[in-house]
Amino acid sequence: MGFTKEQLLARLKELQIEFAGIDHSVVLTVEDQVGQDKKHRLYLVSALTDTKVDMKVLSQRLGLGKGGLRMAPNDAVLEILQLEGGGGQDLFQLSATNSDVLNH
């Protein structure tokens, strides 16, 4: 289920992505939400913790029409993105290969 820290670092190296690692305590600076459209495609929405995300406005900006964007069920997030609540959501692209995942 997902990557361990060591697997993630190895994957970054394999993809030849340069990075610098810094160990630190948990810092809540970004809030991630996973939305789902009427076709059951998932969208990862990351925003600063003090930003209010209006899903209706976001749906319009993404051109999703009347069906719009709603919060994805937790079981879909766990099954497709292999994520549980907590950090690392912004790196989900490294482990998610499902075509239902869209990154905007």
Protein backbone atom coordinates (compact mmCIF):
# COMPACT_ATOMS: atom_id res chain seq x y z
CA MET A 1 0.00 0.00 0.00
CA GLY A 2 1.81 3.14 -1.22
CA PHE A 3 5.53 3.81 -0.83
CA THR A 4 7.67 3.76 2.26
CA LYS A 5 10.03 6.72 2.68
CA GLU A 6 12.91 4.59 1.37
CA GLN A 7 10.91 3.42 -1.66
CA LEU A 8 9.85 6.99 -2.44
CA LEU A 9 13.45 8.24 -2.33
CA ALA A 10 14.55 5.33 -4.52
CA ARG A 11 11.77 6.14 -7.02
CA LEU A 12 12.82 9.79 -7.19
CA LYS A 13 16.40 8.68 -7.91
CA GLU A 14 15.16 6.19 -10.52
CA LEU A 15 13.25 9.01 -12.27
CA GLN A 16 16.39 11.17 -12.02
CA ILE A 17 14.55 13.84 -10.06
CA GLU A 18 16.95 15.93 -8.02
CA PHE A 19 15.91 16.51 -4.43
CA ALA A 20 17.19 17.38 -1.00
CA GLY A 21 15.70 15.68 2.04
CA ILE A 22 15.17 17.47 5.33
CA ASP A 23 13.84 15.61 8.36
CA HIS A 24 11.49 17.71 10.49
CA SER A 25 8.46 17.41 12.71
CA VAL A 26 5.01 17.56 11.13
CA VAL A 27 4.14 21.04 9.84
CA LEU A 28 0.59 21.76 8.67
CA THR A 29 1.09 24.31 5.89
CA VAL A 30 -0.96 22.73 3.10
CA GLU A 31 -4.33 21.05 3.23
CA ASP A 32 -5.11 18.38 0.67
CA GLN A 33 -8.57 17.32 -0.41
CA VAL A 34 -9.51 14.71 -2.95
CA GLY A 35 -12.49 15.52 -5.14
CA GLN A 36 -14.41 13.29 -7.50
CA ASP A 37 -16.43 14.21 -10.60
CA LYS A 38 -19.54 12.47 -11.96
CA LYS A 39 -17.33 10.18 -14.08
CA HIS A 40 -15.63 9.05 -10.84
CA ARG A 41 -12.31 10.67 -11.80
CA LEU A 42 -10.30 11.88 -8.81
CA TYR A 43 -8.73 15.33 -8.39
CA LEU A 44 -6.13 16.18 -5.76
CA VAL A 45 -6.69 19.74 -4.49
CA SER A 46 -3.87 21.29 -2.44
CA ALA A 47 -4.27 24.68 -0.81
CA LEU A 48 -2.68 26.67 1.99
CA THR A 49 -4.33 25.84 5.30
CA ASP A 50 -5.91 29.30 5.53
CA THR A 51 -7.45 29.07 2.02
CA LYS A 52 -11.15 28.26 1.71
CA VAL A 53 -11.74 25.98 -1.29
CA ASP A 54 -15.17 26.46 -2.86
CA MET A 55 -15.80 23.18 -4.70
CA LYS A 56 -18.55 24.77 -6.83
CA VAL A 57 -16.22 27.52 -8.11
CA LEU A 58 -13.40 25.02 -8.59
CA SER A 59 -15.75 22.75 -10.58
CA GLN A 60 -16.60 25.64 -12.90
CA ARG A 61 -12.94 26.56 -13.38
CA LEU A 62 -12.11 22.95 -14.26
CA GLY A 63 -15.00 22.89 -16.77
CA LEU A 64 -16.78 19.99 -15.08
CA GLY A 65 -20.30 21.22 -15.84
CA LYS A 66 -23.37 20.69 -13.67
CA GLY A 67 -22.21 17.39 -12.14
CA GLY A 68 -19.35 19.30 -10.62
CA LEU A 69 -16.79 18.19 -8.10
CA ARG A 70 -17.57 16.68 -4.71
CA MET A 71 -15.46 15.16 -2.00
CA ALA A 72 -14.28 11.67 -2.96
CA PRO A 73 -15.25 8.78 -0.72
CA ASN A 74 -12.44 7.64 1.58
CA ASP A 75 -12.51 4.08 0.19
CA ALA A 76 -11.81 5.40 -3.36
CA VAL A 77 -8.88 7.46 -2.09
CA LEU A 78 -7.47 4.47 -0.25
CA GLU A 79 -8.00 2.02 -3.15
CA ILE A 80 -6.87 4.17 -6.09
CA LEU A 81 -4.33 6.56 -4.58
CA GLN A 82 -3.18 4.15 -1.88
CA LEU A 83 -3.34 6.96 0.67
CA GLU A 84 -4.76 7.20 4.13
CA GLY A 85 -5.27 10.45 5.99
CA GLY A 86 -2.02 12.26 6.58
CA GLY A 87 0.95 13.54 4.63
CA GLY A 88 2.28 12.64 1.24
CA GLN A 89 -0.79 13.34 -0.86
CA ASP A 90 1.10 15.78 -3.07
CA LEU A 91 3.40 12.92 -4.10
CA PHE A 92 0.59 10.55 -5.04
CA GLN A 93 1.52 10.70 -8.74
CA LEU A 94 4.55 8.53 -8.01
CA SER A 95 2.39 5.61 -6.95
CA ALA A 96 -0.89 6.23 -8.78
CA THR A 97 -1.03 4.84 -12.30
CA ASN A 98 -4.79 4.67 -12.62
CA SER A 99 -6.35 6.67 -15.47
CA ASP A 100 -9.04 7.90 -13.04
CA VAL A 101 -6.45 10.24 -11.46
CA LEU A 102 -6.18 13.75 -12.90
CA ASN A 103 -3.56 16.24 -11.80
CA HIS A 104 -4.31 19.92 -12.52
